[in-house]
Amino acid sequence: MTQPTNKLFAFYRLPHADHYVEIMQDSNEPHLLHSLDELDRSRGFVVVPFQVTPQTPIVLIEPDTVNQVANDAGTQDLLPTILKRQTNREDYHQDFLRFHQELKEGRLSKIVLSRTETILTADALSQAVSLFHRACRLYPRMFVALVSMPNGEMWLTATPEVLLDGSGNNFHTMALAGTMRLQGEELSGEGEHVRWAPKDIEEQRYVASYIADRLKTLGIDYREEGPRTVRAAHLVHLRSDFHFSLPPTVVLSRLLSTLHPTPAVCGLPKQQALDFILQHEHSQRLYYSGFMGPLNAPDSHLYVTLRCMQISGTRQTLYAGGGLLRESNEEQEWLETEAKLDTMRHILCI
């Protein structure tokens, strides 16, 4: 598939699928939504930011044309030439001190700190589709998507985290937290021999408890499974799964508003952590740690936009974050974000 021109599009590949899906919108006129409530009346591929604002609206790509395409392991890699990499360690240091102080003084029990790395190239937009195919080959366990945006940018993601997956009235969400890098012989398995640190176990339990509490508040009966270790590229995480049916009294947008952003990308208490992130984090998250995927087309597969890359002309901005607790150590947290950034770096052959 060559890169579409003058059309909005979304390509996505579900985990372990033997094909990917192309969604094309005949018009290049964007459909911008300004509230999650509008998703109840929408169908197509949605891209939702971390925080909906006039500058970062919800983007809806309507499916005028939908194609299923077999995965092509023979697709030639056309990769952009790397000219320069920019990482600001000092910004992260200042953010960590500020965020960690909130934890030490007891105003927050968990907060997620994110950062970016900028890769300058000759031109990545023209190679974006090739990068998508490469991500599909590198990361068969993950949801991979490439989306064109109304401002001419593209976003590429390879993410392991389901926000909401549904067929009919049967839904699934997950609590995914805790991160460990696999090394050596561990890379031949699924992380079944990993021993988790108390900090990772506690962080994952915060997320799982939040989701369970929110589902109960909505009057939703659920079945919880886990936690268990799951692999995502060269990393493993702790994951609990929640399966449930949506009662007629709860509309989809209300459930999404309750879940997003989860403590896995935000913190607890949720509103205080969200406000603090928006006010103090150096880098703007934009669509990082939002969610994207097909909505009611006919099924819904919405994934949290983690391990992602914003592609704009000669600039690729890579995003990663990590959950901080009171006992968090700055250097260890920095190394965790480095490991997460490697997911997108490997696509660029860095």
Protein backbone atom coordinates (compact mmCIF):
# COMPACT_ATOMS: atom_id res chain seq x y z
CA MET A 1 0.00 0.00 0.00
CA THR A 2 1.37 3.39 -0.93
CA GLN A 3 0.76 6.35 1.28
CA PRO A 4 -2.64 8.01 0.62
CA THR A 5 -2.68 11.63 -0.48
CA ASN A 6 -5.26 14.30 0.30
CA LYS A 7 -7.27 11.91 2.43
CA LEU A 8 -7.53 11.22 6.12
CA PHE A 9 -6.76 7.61 6.89
CA ALA A 10 -6.03 5.14 9.65
CA PHE A 11 -4.20 1.83 9.35
CA TYR A 12 -4.36 -0.56 12.29
CA ARG A 13 -3.35 -4.13 13.14
CA LEU A 14 -4.84 -5.91 16.14
CA PRO A 15 -2.54 -8.06 18.32
CA HIS A 16 -1.62 -11.39 16.69
CA ALA A 17 -3.77 -10.64 13.61
CA ASP A 18 -2.62 -11.92 10.21
CA HIS A 19 -3.90 -8.79 8.46
CA TYR A 20 -4.23 -5.08 8.97
CA VAL A 21 -7.16 -2.76 8.25
CA GLU A 22 -7.12 0.37 6.09
CA ILE A 23 -9.78 2.99 6.83
CA MET A 24 -10.06 5.79 4.28
CA GLN A 25 -12.15 8.93 4.42
CA ASP A 26 -12.90 10.25 0.92
CA SER A 27 -12.88 13.84 2.12
CA ASN A 28 -9.89 15.50 3.73
CA GLU A 29 -12.26 17.60 5.85
CA PRO A 30 -11.70 16.64 9.49
CA HIS A 31 -14.49 15.57 11.81
CA LEU A 32 -13.52 17.15 15.12
CA LEU A 33 -15.32 16.31 18.34
CA HIS A 34 -14.99 18.30 21.53
CA SER A 35 -16.44 15.94 24.12
CA LEU A 36 -16.41 12.21 24.83
CA ASP A 37 -20.23 12.46 24.88
CA GLU A 38 -20.14 12.88 21.09
CA LEU A 39 -18.66 9.38 20.73
CA ASP A 40 -22.09 7.88 21.46
CA ARG A 41 -23.20 9.12 18.03
CA SER A 42 -19.97 8.33 16.18
CA ARG A 43 -18.66 5.47 14.11
CA GLY A 44 -15.20 5.17 12.66
CA PHE A 45 -11.59 5.42 13.83
CA VAL A 46 -11.21 7.80 16.76
CA VAL A 47 -8.08 9.52 18.08
CA VAL A 48 -8.60 10.95 21.56
CA PRO A 49 -6.00 13.15 23.30
CA PHE A 50 -4.85 12.94 26.89
CA GLN A 51 -7.00 16.01 27.57
CA VAL A 52 -9.59 17.31 25.09
CA THR A 53 -8.97 21.01 24.35
CA PRO A 54 -9.62 23.33 21.40
CA GLN A 55 -6.01 22.70 20.35
CA THR A 56 -6.29 18.90 20.75
CA PRO A 57 -9.82 17.86 19.77
CA ILE A 58 -11.02 14.31 19.24
CA VAL A 59 -10.40 13.34 15.61
CA LEU A 60 -12.91 11.03 13.91
CA ILE A 61 -12.00 9.36 10.62
CA GLU A 62 -15.20 8.12 9.00
CA PRO A 63 -14.94 4.84 7.08
CA ASP A 64 -15.86 5.61 3.47
CA THR A 65 -13.56 2.78 2.40
CA VAL A 66 -12.44 -0.15 4.56
CA ASN A 67 -9.95 -2.78 3.34
CA GLN A 68 -8.41 -5.79 5.01
CA VAL A 69 -4.87 -6.39 3.82
CA ALA A 70 -2.72 -9.42 4.53
CA ASN A 71 0.42 -8.70 6.52
CA ASP A 72 3.31 -8.41 4.08
CA ALA A 73 6.52 -9.66 5.64
CA GLY A 74 8.32 -8.78 2.41
CA THR A 75 7.54 -5.06 2.51
CA GLN A 76 10.73 -3.10 1.93
CA ASP A 77 11.87 -0.89 4.78
CA LEU A 78 12.20 2.73 3.66
CA LEU A 79 13.55 4.37 6.77
CA PRO A 80 14.29 8.07 7.32
CA THR A 81 17.91 9.11 7.71
CA ILE A 82 18.61 10.16 11.29
CA LEU A 83 20.27 13.57 11.50
CA LYS A 84 20.07 14.40 15.20
CA ARG A 85 18.60 13.25 18.53
CA GLN A 86 17.52 15.64 21.28
CA THR A 87 16.78 14.62 24.87
CA ASN A 88 16.53 17.07 27.76
CA ARG A 89 17.62 15.22 30.90
CA GLU A 90 17.47 18.41 32.98
CA ASP A 91 13.76 18.92 32.25
CA TYR A 92 13.07 15.40 33.49
CA HIS A 93 15.13 16.03 36.62
CA GLN A 94 13.16 19.17 37.46
CA ASP A 95 9.85 17.44 36.77
CA PHE A 96 10.79 14.44 38.90
CA LEU A 97 11.65 16.60 41.90
CA ARG A 98 8.40 18.54 41.58
CA PHE A 99 6.23 15.45 41.04
CA HIS A 100 7.94 13.40 43.75
CA GLN A 101 7.41 16.16 46.29
CA GLU A 102 3.64 15.74 45.88
CA LEU A 103 4.04 12.07 46.76
CA LYS A 104 6.33 12.66 49.72
CA GLU A 105 3.95 15.23 51.18
CA GLY A 106 0.99 12.87 50.76
CA ARG A 107 -1.07 14.97 48.35
CA LEU A 108 -0.91 12.17 45.75
CA SER A 109 -0.47 8.41 46.11
CA LYS A 110 0.67 7.92 42.50
CA ILE A 111 1.45 10.17 39.54
CA VAL A 112 2.74 9.43 36.04
CA LEU A 113 5.61 11.52 34.69
CA SER A 114 6.21 11.54 30.94
CA ARG A 115 8.99 12.82 28.71
CA THR A 116 9.87 13.09 25.03
CA GLU A 117 12.80 12.54 22.72
CA THR A 118 13.06 14.35 19.40
CA ILE A 119 14.54 12.69 16.33
CA LEU A 120 15.40 14.97 13.40
CA THR A 121 15.47 13.35 9.96
CA ALA A 122 15.55 14.34 6.29
CA ASP A 123 11.84 13.43 5.92
CA ALA A 124 9.85 10.85 7.87
CA LEU A 125 6.35 11.59 6.57
CA SER A 126 7.11 9.96 3.23
CA GLN A 127 8.29 6.81 5.01
CA ALA A 128 5.42 6.66 7.53
CA VAL A 129 3.65 3.70 5.91
CA SER A 130 6.93 1.78 5.80
CA LEU A 131 7.40 2.51 9.51
CA PHE A 132 3.89 1.12 10.16
CA HIS A 133 4.72 -2.14 8.34
CA ARG A 134 7.99 -2.42 10.23
CA ALA A 135 6.17 -1.94 13.56
CA CYS A 136 3.70 -4.68 12.61
CA ARG A 137 6.58 -7.09 11.97
CA LEU A 138 8.53 -6.14 15.09
CA TYR A 139 5.59 -6.19 17.51
CA PRO A 140 3.08 -8.97 16.76
CA ARG A 141 1.71 -8.90 20.34
CA MET A 142 0.76 -5.22 20.23
CA PHE A 143 -1.89 -2.98 18.68
CA VAL A 144 -0.17 -1.03 15.90
CA ALA A 145 -1.75 2.00 14.23
CA LEU A 146 -0.78 4.82 11.89
CA VAL A 147 -3.16 7.77 11.68
CA SER A 148 -3.11 10.91 9.54
CA MET A 149 -4.21 14.05 11.35
CA PRO A 150 -5.96 17.17 10.04
CA ASN A 151 -2.85 19.33 10.56
CA GLY A 152 -0.76 17.12 8.27
CA GLU A 153 1.00 15.22 11.07
CA MET A 154 0.81 11.48 11.63
CA TRP A 155 0.85 9.45 14.81
CA LEU A 156 2.29 5.93 14.96
CA THR A 157 1.73 3.73 17.99
CA ALA A 158 2.59 0.20 19.08
CA THR A 159 0.79 -0.24 22.38
CA PRO A 160 -0.05 -3.18 24.66
CA GLU A 161 -2.82 -1.55 26.70
CA VAL A 162 -6.54 -1.99 26.03
CA LEU A 163 -8.76 0.81 27.25
CA LEU A 164 -11.99 -0.79 26.04
CA ASP A 165 -12.52 -3.74 23.74
CA GLY A 166 -16.07 -4.74 22.89
CA SER A 167 -18.16 -6.97 20.65
CA GLY A 168 -21.91 -6.57 20.98
CA ASN A 169 -22.49 -5.94 24.66
CA ASN A 170 -19.47 -7.88 25.90
CA PHE A 171 -16.61 -5.63 26.98
CA HIS A 172 -13.09 -5.96 28.28
CA THR A 173 -10.63 -3.53 29.87
CA MET A 174 -7.35 -4.02 31.67
CA ALA A 175 -5.08 -2.69 34.39
CA LEU A 176 -1.55 -2.63 32.97
CA ALA A 177 1.30 -1.30 35.10
CA GLY A 178 4.75 -2.22 36.30
CA THR A 179 7.58 -2.50 33.79
CA MET A 180 10.65 -4.69 33.49
CA ARG A 181 13.10 -5.12 30.60
CA LEU A 182 13.82 -8.65 29.36
CA GLN A 183 17.44 -9.47 28.71
CA GLY A 184 19.50 -12.37 27.40
CA GLU A 185 17.76 -15.75 27.50
CA GLU A 186 14.62 -14.11 28.92
CA LEU A 187 13.88 -12.76 25.43
CA SER A 188 13.10 -16.29 24.24
CA GLY A 189 10.10 -16.54 26.57
CA GLU A 190 7.11 -14.54 27.74
CA GLY A 191 8.61 -13.29 31.00
CA GLU A 192 7.26 -16.22 32.99
CA HIS A 193 10.30 -16.26 35.28
CA VAL A 194 10.31 -12.54 36.12
CA ARG A 195 10.29 -11.65 39.82
CA TRP A 196 8.43 -8.40 40.44
CA ALA A 197 9.58 -5.74 42.88
CA PRO A 198 7.12 -4.56 45.55
CA LYS A 199 6.94 -1.12 43.88
CA ASP A 200 5.70 -2.66 40.60
CA ILE A 201 3.15 -4.85 42.38
CA GLU A 202 1.84 -1.88 44.34
CA GLU A 203 1.65 0.33 41.26
CA GLN A 204 -0.34 -2.28 39.33
CA ARG A 205 -2.68 -2.86 42.26
CA TYR A 206 -3.47 0.87 42.40
CA VAL A 207 -4.64 0.73 38.78
CA ALA A 208 -6.61 -2.51 39.18
CA SER A 209 -8.34 -1.27 42.34
CA TYR A 210 -9.30 1.97 40.63
CA ILE A 211 -10.87 0.17 37.67
CA ALA A 212 -12.75 -2.24 39.95
CA ASP A 213 -14.06 0.66 42.03
CA ARG A 214 -15.17 2.65 38.96
CA LEU A 215 -17.01 -0.34 37.48
CA LYS A 216 -18.79 -0.90 40.79
CA THR A 217 -19.76 2.77 40.97
CA LEU A 218 -21.41 2.44 37.55
CA GLY A 219 -23.32 -0.63 38.72
CA ILE A 220 -21.38 -2.96 36.44
CA ASP A 221 -20.83 -6.58 37.43
CA TYR A 222 -17.44 -7.78 36.26
CA ARG A 223 -15.10 -10.77 36.30
CA GLU A 224 -11.49 -10.00 37.18
CA GLU A 225 -8.57 -12.17 36.09
CA GLY A 226 -4.96 -11.75 37.15
CA PRO A 227 -2.60 -10.15 37.74
CA ARG A 228 -0.26 -11.98 35.40
CA THR A 229 2.94 -11.16 33.55
CA VAL A 230 2.54 -10.26 29.87
CA ARG A 231 5.17 -9.42 27.29
CA ALA A 232 5.19 -6.32 25.07
CA ALA A 233 8.22 -6.22 22.77
CA HIS A 234 11.34 -6.34 24.98
CA LEU A 235 9.38 -5.40 28.10
CA VAL A 236 6.98 -7.19 30.44
CA HIS A 237 4.16 -5.74 32.50
CA LEU A 238 1.72 -6.84 35.17
CA ARG A 239 -1.83 -7.10 33.85
CA SER A 240 -5.30 -7.72 35.27
CA ASP A 241 -8.29 -8.18 32.95
CA PHE A 242 -11.88 -7.13 33.59
CA HIS A 243 -14.76 -8.66 31.60
CA PHE A 244 -18.31 -7.31 31.81
CA SER A 245 -21.56 -6.41 30.07
CA LEU A 246 -22.75 -2.84 29.86
CA PRO A 247 -26.12 -2.29 31.56
CA PRO A 248 -28.71 -0.24 29.65
CA THR A 249 -28.38 2.60 32.18
CA VAL A 250 -24.73 3.23 31.22
CA VAL A 251 -23.85 4.74 27.84
CA LEU A 252 -20.47 4.14 26.26
CA SER A 253 -19.24 7.72 26.71
CA ARG A 254 -19.90 7.59 30.43
CA LEU A 255 -17.81 4.45 30.75
CA LEU A 256 -14.99 5.97 28.70
CA SER A 257 -15.08 9.17 30.77
CA THR A 258 -14.80 7.08 33.90
CA LEU A 259 -11.87 5.02 32.66
CA HIS A 260 -9.88 7.70 30.83
CA PRO A 261 -7.32 8.65 31.85
CA THR A 262 -6.61 5.61 34.01
CA PRO A 263 -4.10 5.76 36.87
CA ALA A 264 -1.72 3.89 34.54
CA VAL A 265 -1.19 7.13 32.61
CA CYS A 266 -2.34 9.74 35.13
CA GLY A 267 -2.33 9.05 38.86
CA LEU A 268 -4.38 9.01 42.07
CA PRO A 269 -6.43 10.81 43.18
CA LYS A 270 -7.27 11.10 39.50
CA GLN A 271 -8.41 14.72 39.21
CA GLN A 272 -5.63 16.11 41.41
CA ALA A 273 -3.01 14.14 39.46
CA LEU A 274 -4.48 15.24 36.13
CA ASP A 275 -4.49 18.90 37.13
CA PHE A 276 -0.91 18.68 38.39
CA ILE A 277 0.34 17.02 35.18
CA LEU A 278 -1.34 19.60 32.96
CA GLN A 279 0.11 22.46 34.99
CA HIS A 280 3.67 21.23 35.63
CA GLU A 281 4.86 18.64 33.11
CA HIS A 282 7.47 20.12 30.76
CA SER A 283 6.34 18.34 27.61
CA GLN A 284 2.78 18.59 26.31
CA ARG A 285 1.30 15.13 25.91
CA LEU A 286 -1.11 16.01 23.09
CA TYR A 287 -2.37 12.59 21.89
CA TYR A 288 0.15 10.57 23.89
CA SER A 289 -1.62 8.66 26.70
CA GLY A 290 -4.96 9.34 25.10
CA PHE A 291 -6.58 6.46 23.20
CA MET A 292 -7.37 5.44 19.63
CA GLY A 293 -8.96 2.70 17.60
CA PRO A 294 -12.06 1.63 15.67
CA LEU A 295 -15.33 2.50 17.39
CA ASN A 296 -18.55 0.55 16.64
CA ALA A 297 -17.23 -0.56 13.28
CA PRO A 298 -18.97 -2.93 14.14
CA ASP A 299 -16.79 -3.85 17.12
CA SER A 300 -14.77 -1.45 19.24
CA HIS A 301 -11.04 -1.86 19.86
CA LEU A 302 -9.79 1.17 21.79
CA TYR A 303 -6.18 1.17 22.96
CA VAL A 304 -4.26 3.61 25.15
CA THR A 305 -1.79 5.53 22.98
CA LEU A 306 1.48 4.43 24.56
CA ARG A 307 4.87 3.77 22.88
CA CYS A 308 4.04 6.30 20.20
CA MET A 309 5.66 8.64 17.71
CA GLN A 310 4.40 12.00 16.43
CA ILE A 311 5.61 12.44 12.83
CA SER A 312 5.76 15.98 11.51
CA GLY A 313 7.91 16.78 8.48
CA THR A 314 11.51 16.26 9.56
CA ARG A 315 10.67 15.83 13.24
CA GLN A 316 9.70 12.64 15.07
CA THR A 317 8.73 13.12 18.70
CA LEU A 318 8.83 9.96 20.80
CA TYR A 319 6.87 9.74 24.06
CA ALA A 320 7.19 7.60 27.18
CA GLY A 321 6.22 7.80 30.83
CA GLY A 322 6.35 5.96 34.12
CA GLY A 323 4.36 5.78 37.31
CA LEU A 324 5.92 7.38 40.37
CA LEU A 325 5.25 6.30 43.93
CA ARG A 326 6.66 7.69 47.16
CA GLU A 327 9.57 5.21 47.07
CA SER A 328 10.48 5.91 43.43
CA ASN A 329 14.11 6.58 42.49
CA GLU A 330 14.82 9.12 39.73
CA GLU A 331 17.54 7.18 37.94
CA GLN A 332 15.48 3.98 37.90
CA GLU A 333 12.46 5.85 36.57
CA TRP A 334 14.58 7.52 33.87
CA LEU A 335 15.90 4.11 32.78
CA GLU A 336 12.33 2.80 32.60
CA THR A 337 11.39 5.59 30.19
CA GLU A 338 14.53 4.81 28.18
CA ALA A 339 13.40 1.19 27.87
CA LYS A 340 9.94 2.27 26.73
CA LEU A 341 11.35 4.74 24.18
CA ASP A 342 13.31 1.85 22.65
CA THR A 343 10.03 0.51 21.24
CA MET A 344 9.82 3.43 18.80
CA ARG A 345 13.61 3.77 18.43
CA HIS A 346 13.83 0.22 17.12
CA ILE A 347 11.30 1.05 14.40
CA LEU A 348 13.69 3.80 13.27
CA CYS A 349 16.65 1.37 13.57
CA ILE A 350 18.17 3.38 16.43
